Amino acid sequence: MSREKKVKTMMDKMNNLANAVHNAKDPGMKQIWTDKWYALVKTYARRIQSMEVSKPDPYNEHLNKTKEEKNENQGLSTNIR
């Protein structure tokens, strides 16, 4: 599964829990759903952080460059004067 699809799935689950919190009439149930939502947010935050690349890949330096850096190397300028 792609990263985008994983993030979308996570967001859908958080949205469903947020809707459950909003729609709960009993304060006890509202608190239970809120606690579950916060636990899910913490879990997903840790998961997303682990998805991030910790350092640039020295074997694929061209993939680590920003769009501006690539244009500078090709002699193109992104600054319009």
PDB file of N, CA and C in Angstrom:
ATOM      1  N   MET A   1       0.854  -1.174   0.000  1.00  0.00           N
ATOM      2  CA  MET A   1       0.000   0.000   0.000  1.00  0.00           C
ATOM      3  C   MET A   1       0.904   1.244   0.000  1.00  0.00           C
ATOM      4  N   SER A   2       0.555   2.223  -0.810  1.00  0.00           N
ATOM      5  CA  SER A   2       1.353   3.435  -0.905  1.00  0.00           C
ATOM      6  C   SER A   2       1.208   4.278   0.352  1.00  0.00           C
ATOM      7  N   ARG A   3       2.167   5.168   0.527  1.00  0.00           N
ATOM      8  CA  ARG A   3       2.159   6.040   1.712  1.00  0.00           C
ATOM      9  C   ARG A   3       0.901   6.901   1.743  1.00  0.00           C
ATOM     10  N   GLU A   4       0.510   7.422   0.589  1.00  0.00           N
ATOM     11  CA  GLU A   4      -0.673   8.278   0.518  1.00  0.00           C
ATOM     12  C   GLU A   4      -1.929   7.512   0.923  1.00  0.00           C
ATOM     13  N   LYS A   5      -2.008   6.267   0.480  1.00  0.00           N
ATOM     14  CA  LYS A   5      -3.175   5.458   0.797  1.00  0.00           C
ATOM     15  C   LYS A   5      -3.214   5.127   2.298  1.00  0.00           C
ATOM     16  N   LYS A   6      -2.033   4.873   2.884  1.00  0.00           N
ATOM     17  CA  LYS A   6      -1.968   4.605   4.319  1.00  0.00           C
ATOM     18  C   LYS A   6      -2.414   5.820   5.120  1.00  0.00           C
ATOM     19  N   VAL A   7      -1.935   6.995   4.717  1.00  0.00           N
ATOM     20  CA  VAL A   7      -2.298   8.227   5.420  1.00  0.00           C
ATOM     21  C   VAL A   7      -3.791   8.497   5.270  1.00  0.00           C
ATOM     22  N   LYS A   8      -4.337   8.265   4.072  1.00  0.00           N
ATOM     23  CA  LYS A   8      -5.779   8.475   3.873  1.00  0.00           C
ATOM     24  C   LYS A   8      -6.594   7.532   4.757  1.00  0.00           C
ATOM     25  N   THR A   9      -6.161   6.279   4.869  1.00  0.00           N
ATOM     26  CA  THR A   9      -6.850   5.319   5.729  1.00  0.00           C
ATOM     27  C   THR A   9      -6.805   5.779   7.181  1.00  0.00           C
ATOM     28  N   MET A  10      -5.635   6.260   7.613  1.00  0.00           N
ATOM     29  CA  MET A  10      -5.500   6.769   8.986  1.00  0.00           C
ATOM     30  C   MET A  10      -6.451   7.942   9.218  1.00  0.00           C
ATOM     31  N   MET A  11      -6.491   8.860   8.258  1.00  0.00           N
ATOM     32  CA  MET A  11      -7.350  10.034   8.398  1.00  0.00           C
ATOM     33  C   MET A  11      -8.825   9.646   8.427  1.00  0.00           C
ATOM     34  N   ASP A  12      -9.212   8.669   7.637  1.00  0.00           N
ATOM     35  CA  ASP A  12     -10.603   8.205   7.638  1.00  0.00           C
ATOM     36  C   ASP A  12     -10.983   7.623   8.996  1.00  0.00           C
ATOM     37  N   LYS A  13     -10.084   6.834   9.579  1.00  0.00           N
ATOM     38  CA  LYS A  13     -10.362   6.241  10.889  1.00  0.00           C
ATOM     39  C   LYS A  13     -10.471   7.323  11.962  1.00  0.00           C
ATOM     40  N   MET A  14      -9.564   8.323  11.906  1.00  0.00           N
ATOM     41  CA  MET A  14      -9.639   9.414  12.889  1.00  0.00           C
ATOM     42  C   MET A  14     -10.921  10.216  12.709  1.00  0.00           C
ATOM     43  N   ASN A  15     -11.323  10.436  11.466  1.00  0.00           N
ATOM     44  CA  ASN A  15     -12.555  11.172  11.189  1.00  0.00           C
ATOM     45  C   ASN A  15     -13.773  10.418  11.716  1.00  0.00           C
ATOM     46  N   ASN A  16     -13.796   9.096  11.534  1.00  0.00           N
ATOM     47  CA  ASN A  16     -14.905   8.288  12.047  1.00  0.00           C
ATOM     48  C   ASN A  16     -14.999   8.374  13.571  1.00  0.00           C
ATOM     49  N   LEU A  17     -13.847   8.321  14.234  1.00  0.00           N
ATOM     50  CA  LEU A  17     -13.860   8.445  15.699  1.00  0.00           C
ATOM     51  C   LEU A  17     -14.292   9.847  16.134  1.00  0.00           C
ATOM     52  N   ALA A  18     -13.845  10.862  15.402  1.00  0.00           N
ATOM     53  CA  ALA A  18     -14.251  12.229  15.738  1.00  0.00           C
ATOM     54  C   ALA A  18     -15.761  12.388  15.582  1.00  0.00           C
ATOM     55  N   ASN A  19     -16.320  11.771  14.551  1.00  0.00           N
ATOM     56  CA  ASN A  19     -17.775  11.813  14.364  1.00  0.00           C
ATOM     57  C   ASN A  19     -18.488  11.084  15.499  1.00  0.00           C
ATOM     58  N   ALA A  20     -17.924   9.969  15.961  1.00  0.00           N
ATOM     59  CA  ALA A  20     -18.520   9.229  17.083  1.00  0.00           C
ATOM     60  C   ALA A  20     -18.510  10.089  18.344  1.00  0.00           C
ATOM     61  N   VAL A  21     -17.424  10.824  18.563  1.00  0.00           N
ATOM     62  CA  VAL A  21     -17.356  11.728  19.722  1.00  0.00           C
ATOM     63  C   VAL A  21     -18.436  12.788  19.610  1.00  0.00           C
ATOM     64  N   HIS A  22     -18.539  13.370  18.432  1.00  0.00           N
ATOM     65  CA  HIS A  22     -19.504  14.458  18.218  1.00  0.00           C
ATOM     66  C   HIS A  22     -20.951  13.985  18.375  1.00  0.00           C
ATOM     67  N   ASN A  23     -21.234  12.773  17.921  1.00  0.00           N
ATOM     68  CA  ASN A  23     -22.614  12.268  17.938  1.00  0.00           C
ATOM     69  C   ASN A  23     -23.008  11.587  19.249  1.00  0.00           C
ATOM     70  N   ALA A  24     -22.058  11.322  20.130  1.00  0.00           N
ATOM     71  CA  ALA A  24     -22.374  10.632  21.391  1.00  0.00           C
ATOM     72  C   ALA A  24     -23.185  11.554  22.299  1.00  0.00           C
ATOM     73  N   LYS A  25     -24.280  11.054  22.814  1.00  0.00           N
ATOM     74  CA  LYS A  25     -25.143  11.855  23.688  1.00  0.00           C
ATOM     75  C   LYS A  25     -24.752  11.701  25.152  1.00  0.00           C
ATOM     76  N   ASP A  26     -24.323  10.510  25.531  1.00  0.00           N
ATOM     77  CA  ASP A  26     -23.935  10.224  26.909  1.00  0.00           C
ATOM     78  C   ASP A  26     -22.515  10.746  27.161  1.00  0.00           C
ATOM     79  N   PRO A  27     -22.298  11.560  28.202  1.00  0.00           N
ATOM     80  CA  PRO A  27     -20.958  12.095  28.489  1.00  0.00           C
ATOM     81  C   PRO A  27     -19.910  10.996  28.711  1.00  0.00           C
ATOM     82  N   GLY A  28     -20.321   9.864  29.283  1.00  0.00           N
ATOM     83  CA  GLY A  28     -19.391   8.761  29.487  1.00  0.00           C
ATOM     84  C   GLY A  28     -18.908   8.178  28.169  1.00  0.00           C
ATOM     85  N   MET A  29     -19.834   7.996  27.240  1.00  0.00           N
ATOM     86  CA  MET A  29     -19.469   7.481  25.916  1.00  0.00           C
ATOM     87  C   MET A  29     -18.629   8.504  25.150  1.00  0.00           C
ATOM     88  N   LYS A  30     -18.977   9.767  25.305  1.00  0.00           N
ATOM     89  CA  LYS A  30     -18.201  10.828  24.651  1.00  0.00           C
ATOM     90  C   LYS A  30     -16.751  10.784  25.129  1.00  0.00           C
ATOM     91  N   GLN A  31     -16.551  10.566  26.442  1.00  0.00           N
ATOM     92  CA  GLN A  31     -15.195  10.496  26.990  1.00  0.00           C
ATOM     93  C   GLN A  31     -14.461   9.261  26.474  1.00  0.00           C
ATOM     94  N   ILE A  32     -15.148   8.137  26.374  1.00  0.00           N
ATOM     95  CA  ILE A  32     -14.528   6.912  25.858  1.00  0.00           C
ATOM     96  C   ILE A  32     -14.058   7.115  24.416  1.00  0.00           C
ATOM     97  N   TRP A  33     -14.940   7.680  23.569  1.00  0.00           N
ATOM     98  CA  TRP A  33     -14.563   7.915  22.178  1.00  0.00           C
ATOM     99  C   TRP A  33     -13.435   8.932  22.069  1.00  0.00           C
ATOM    100  N   THR A  34     -13.447   9.956  22.936  1.00  0.00           N
ATOM    101  CA  THR A  34     -12.373  10.961  22.933  1.00  0.00           C
ATOM    102  C   THR A  34     -11.044  10.317  23.291  1.00  0.00           C
ATOM    103  N   ASP A  35     -11.037   9.461  24.313  1.00  0.00           N
ATOM    104  CA  ASP A  35      -9.809   8.780  24.712  1.00  0.00           C
ATOM    105  C   ASP A  35      -9.280   7.896  23.581  1.00  0.00           C
ATOM    106  N   LYS A  36     -10.182   7.208  22.905  1.00  0.00           N
ATOM    107  CA  LYS A  36      -9.774   6.353  21.778  1.00  0.00           C
ATOM    108  C   LYS A  36      -9.207   7.201  20.636  1.00  0.00           C
ATOM    109  N   TRP A  37      -9.798   8.366  20.386  1.00  0.00           N
ATOM    110  CA  TRP A  37      -9.317   9.249  19.331  1.00  0.00           C
ATOM    111  C   TRP A  37      -7.907   9.726  19.650  1.00  0.00           C
ATOM    112  N   TYR A  38      -7.670  10.187  20.899  1.00  0.00           N
ATOM    113  CA  TYR A  38      -6.331  10.649  21.278  1.00  0.00           C
ATOM    114  C   TYR A  38      -5.300   9.528  21.180  1.00  0.00           C
ATOM    115  N   ALA A  39      -5.661   8.310  21.580  1.00  0.00           N
ATOM    116  CA  ALA A  39      -4.742   7.172  21.477  1.00  0.00           C
ATOM    117  C   ALA A  39      -4.410   6.895  20.009  1.00  0.00           C
ATOM    118  N   LEU A  40      -5.408   6.976  19.145  1.00  0.00           N
ATOM    119  CA  LEU A  40      -5.183   6.746  17.723  1.00  0.00           C
ATOM    120  C   LEU A  40      -4.283   7.821  17.126  1.00  0.00           C
ATOM    121  N   VAL A  41      -4.482   9.070  17.518  1.00  0.00           N
ATOM    122  CA  VAL A  41      -3.639  10.167  17.029  1.00  0.00           C
ATOM    123  C   VAL A  41      -2.185   9.929  17.426  1.00  0.00           C
ATOM    124  N   LYS A  42      -1.953   9.546  18.663  1.00  0.00           N
ATOM    125  CA  LYS A  42      -0.578   9.287  19.116  1.00  0.00           C
ATOM    126  C   LYS A  42       0.052   8.132  18.348  1.00  0.00           C
ATOM    127  N   THR A  43      -0.721   7.077  18.131  1.00  0.00           N
ATOM    128  CA  THR A  43      -0.219   5.921  17.379  1.00  0.00           C
ATOM    129  C   THR A  43       0.144   6.321  15.961  1.00  0.00           C
ATOM    130  N   TYR A  44      -0.740   7.066  15.302  1.00  0.00           N
ATOM    131  CA  TYR A  44      -0.485   7.476  13.927  1.00  0.00           C
ATOM    132  C   TYR A  44       0.675   8.456  13.838  1.00  0.00           C
ATOM    133  N   ALA A  45       0.819   9.322  14.833  1.00  0.00           N
ATOM    134  CA  ALA A  45       1.947  10.263  14.826  1.00  0.00           C
ATOM    135  C   ALA A  45       3.268   9.499  14.860  1.00  0.00           C
ATOM    136  N   ARG A  46       3.348   8.484  15.700  1.00  0.00           N
ATOM    137  CA  ARG A  46       4.566   7.668  15.753  1.00  0.00           C
ATOM    138  C   ARG A  46       4.787   6.937  14.435  1.00  0.00           C
ATOM    139  N   ARG A  47       3.719   6.428  13.838  1.00  0.00           N
ATOM    140  CA  ARG A  47       3.833   5.693  12.578  1.00  0.00           C
ATOM    141  C   ARG A  47       4.282   6.617  11.449  1.00  0.00           C
ATOM    142  N   ILE A  48       3.730   7.816  11.383  1.00  0.00           N
ATOM    143  CA  ILE A  48       4.107   8.759  10.336  1.00  0.00           C
ATOM    144  C   ILE A  48       5.557   9.196  10.501  1.00  0.00           C
ATOM    145  N   GLN A  49       5.985   9.417  11.731  1.00  0.00           N
ATOM    146  CA  GLN A  49       7.380   9.782  11.960  1.00  0.00           C
ATOM    147  C   GLN A  49       8.316   8.678  11.503  1.00  0.00           C
ATOM    148  N   SER A  50       7.926   7.429  11.690  1.00  0.00           N
ATOM    149  CA  SER A  50       8.781   6.327  11.263  1.00  0.00           C
ATOM    150  C   SER A  50       8.803   6.184   9.745  1.00  0.00           C
ATOM    151  N   MET A  51       7.804   6.723   9.047  1.00  0.00           N
ATOM    152  CA  MET A  51       7.773   6.677   7.585  1.00  0.00           C
ATOM    153  C   MET A  51       8.759   7.669   6.976  1.00  0.00           C
ATOM    154  N   GLU A  52       9.087   8.733   7.695  1.00  0.00           N
ATOM    155  CA  GLU A  52       9.932   9.780   7.153  1.00  0.00           C
ATOM    156  C   GLU A  52      11.364   9.285   6.987  1.00  0.00           C
ATOM    157  N   VAL A  53      12.009   9.786   5.961  1.00  0.00           N
ATOM    158  CA  VAL A  53      13.395   9.429   5.713  1.00  0.00           C
ATOM    159  C   VAL A  53      14.258  10.181   6.716  1.00  0.00           C
ATOM    160  N   SER A  54      15.120   9.453   7.395  1.00  0.00           N
ATOM    161  CA  SER A  54      15.918  10.079   8.442  1.00  0.00           C
ATOM    162  C   SER A  54      17.095  10.862   7.888  1.00  0.00           C
ATOM    163  N   LYS A  55      17.672  10.435   6.767  1.00  0.00           N
ATOM    164  CA  LYS A  55      18.785  11.173   6.179  1.00  0.00           C
ATOM    165  C   LYS A  55      18.775  10.977   4.668  1.00  0.00           C
ATOM    166  N   PRO A  56      19.385  11.892   3.936  1.00  0.00           N
ATOM    167  CA  PRO A  56      19.398  11.779   2.472  1.00  0.00           C
ATOM    168  C   PRO A  56      20.120  10.521   2.016  1.00  0.00           C
ATOM    169  N   ASP A  57      19.714  10.032   0.872  1.00  0.00           N
ATOM    170  CA  ASP A  57      20.312   8.845   0.288  1.00  0.00           C
ATOM    171  C   ASP A  57      21.509   9.269  -0.569  1.00  0.00           C
ATOM    172  N   PRO A  58      22.730   8.931  -0.150  1.00  0.00           N
ATOM    173  CA  PRO A  58      23.910   9.380  -0.905  1.00  0.00           C
ATOM    174  C   PRO A  58      24.016   8.734  -2.285  1.00  0.00           C
ATOM    175  N   TYR A  59      23.388   7.593  -2.500  1.00  0.00           N
ATOM    176  CA  TYR A  59      23.473   6.905  -3.785  1.00  0.00           C
ATOM    177  C   TYR A  59      22.506   7.473  -4.810  1.00  0.00           C
ATOM    178  N   ASN A  60      21.520   8.215  -4.362  1.00  0.00           N
ATOM    179  CA  ASN A  60      20.544   8.835  -5.267  1.00  0.00           C
ATOM    180  C   ASN A  60      20.437  10.316  -4.949  1.00  0.00           C
ATOM    181  N   GLU A  61      21.570  11.017  -5.036  1.00  0.00           N
ATOM    182  CA  GLU A  61      21.592  12.428  -4.658  1.00  0.00           C
ATOM    183  C   GLU A  61      20.619  13.269  -5.470  1.00  0.00           C
ATOM    184  N   HIS A  62      20.412  12.917  -6.727  1.00  0.00           N
ATOM    185  CA  HIS A  62      19.497  13.699  -7.564  1.00  0.00           C
ATOM    186  C   HIS A  62      18.065  13.641  -7.031  1.00  0.00           C
ATOM    187  N   LEU A  63      17.715  12.614  -6.269  1.00  0.00           N
ATOM    188  CA  LEU A  63      16.376  12.517  -5.700  1.00  0.00           C
ATOM    189  C   LEU A  63      16.235  13.377  -4.446  1.00  0.00           C
ATOM    190  N   ASN A  64      17.350  13.725  -3.825  1.00  0.00           N
ATOM    191  CA  ASN A  64      17.328  14.492  -2.580  1.00  0.00           C
ATOM    192  C   ASN A  64      17.261  16.001  -2.823  1.00  0.00           C
ATOM    193  N   LYS A  65      17.482  16.426  -4.056  1.00  0.00           N
ATOM    194  CA  LYS A  65      17.539  17.854  -4.347  1.00  0.00           C
ATOM    195  C   LYS A  65      16.140  18.440  -4.501  1.00  0.00           C
ATOM    196  N   THR A  66      16.022  19.711  -4.138  1.00  0.00           N
ATOM    197  CA  THR A  66      14.762  20.419  -4.325  1.00  0.00           C
ATOM    198  C   THR A  66      14.635  20.840  -5.787  1.00  0.00           C
ATOM    199  N   LYS A  67      13.468  21.292  -6.154  1.00  0.00           N
ATOM    200  CA  LYS A  67      13.223  21.718  -7.525  1.00  0.00           C
ATOM    201  C   LYS A  67      14.139  22.880  -7.905  1.00  0.00           C
ATOM    202  N   GLU A  68      14.350  23.810  -6.971  1.00  0.00           N
ATOM    203  CA  GLU A  68      15.206  24.954  -7.241  1.00  0.00           C
ATOM    204  C   GLU A  68      16.651  24.520  -7.467  1.00  0.00           C
ATOM    205  N   GLU A  69      17.135  23.571  -6.680  1.00  0.00           N
ATOM    206  CA  GLU A  69      18.505  23.085  -6.840  1.00  0.00           C
ATOM    207  C   GLU A  69      18.684  22.393  -8.186  1.00  0.00           C
ATOM    208  N   LYS A  70      17.682  21.649  -8.619  1.00  0.00           N
ATOM    209  CA  LYS A  70      17.762  20.976  -9.916  1.00  0.00           C
ATOM    210  C   LYS A  70      17.806  22.006 -11.048  1.00  0.00           C
ATOM    211  N   ASN A  71      16.998  23.062 -10.944  1.00  0.00           N
ATOM    212  CA  ASN A  71      16.979  24.097 -11.976  1.00  0.00           C
ATOM    213  C   ASN A  71      18.293  24.845 -12.032  1.00  0.00           C
ATOM    214  N   GLU A  72      18.907  25.100 -10.872  1.00  0.00           N
ATOM    215  CA  GLU A  72      20.196  25.790 -10.835  1.00  0.00           C
ATOM    216  C   GLU A  72      21.271  24.963 -11.526  1.00  0.00           C
ATOM    217  N   ASN A  73      21.241  23.662 -11.334  1.00  0.00           N
ATOM    218  CA  ASN A  73      22.232  22.792 -11.968  1.00  0.00           C
ATOM    219  C   ASN A  73      22.060  22.740 -13.476  1.00  0.00           C
ATOM    220  N   GLN A  74      20.855  22.958 -13.960  1.00  0.00           N
ATOM    221  CA  GLN A  74      20.595  22.921 -15.392  1.00  0.00           C
ATOM    222  C   GLN A  74      20.732  24.306 -16.028  1.00  0.00           C
ATOM    223  N   GLY A  75      21.072  25.304 -15.222  1.00  0.00           N
ATOM    224  CA  GLY A  75      21.232  26.646 -15.749  1.00  0.00           C
ATOM    225  C   GLY A  75      19.937  27.411 -15.846  1.00  0.00           C
ATOM    226  N   LEU A  76      18.879  26.902 -15.282  1.00  0.00           N
ATOM    227  CA  LEU A  76      17.591  27.592 -15.308  1.00  0.00           C
ATOM    228  C   LEU A  76      17.448  28.407 -14.046  1.00  0.00           C
ATOM    229  N   SER A  77      16.711  29.455 -14.110  1.00  0.00           N
ATOM    230  CA  SER A  77      16.478  30.287 -12.940  1.00  0.00           C
ATOM    231  C   SER A  77      15.004  30.304 -12.603  1.00  0.00           C
ATOM    232  N   THR A  78      14.701  30.177 -11.301  1.00  0.00           N
ATOM    233  CA  THR A  78      13.312  30.236 -10.872  1.00  0.00           C
ATOM    234  C   THR A  78      12.921  31.660 -10.472  1.00  0.00           C
ATOM    235  N   ASN A  79      13.938  32.539 -10.382  1.00  0.00           N
ATOM    236  CA  ASN A  79      13.680  33.935 -10.019  1.00  0.00           C
ATOM    237  C   ASN A  79      13.347  34.724 -11.270  1.00  0.00           C
ATOM    238  N   ILE A  80      12.215  35.380 -11.261  1.00  0.00           N
ATOM    239  CA  ILE A  80      11.800  36.213 -12.391  1.00  0.00           C
ATOM    240  C   ILE A  80      11.997  37.656 -11.995  1.00  0.00           C
ATOM    241  N   ARG A  81      12.769  38.363 -12.803  1.00  0.00           N
ATOM    242  CA  ARG A  81      13.072  39.766 -12.474  1.00  0.00           C
ATOM    243  C   ARG A  81      12.409  40.695 -13.431  1.00  0.00           C
TER     244      ARG A  81
END
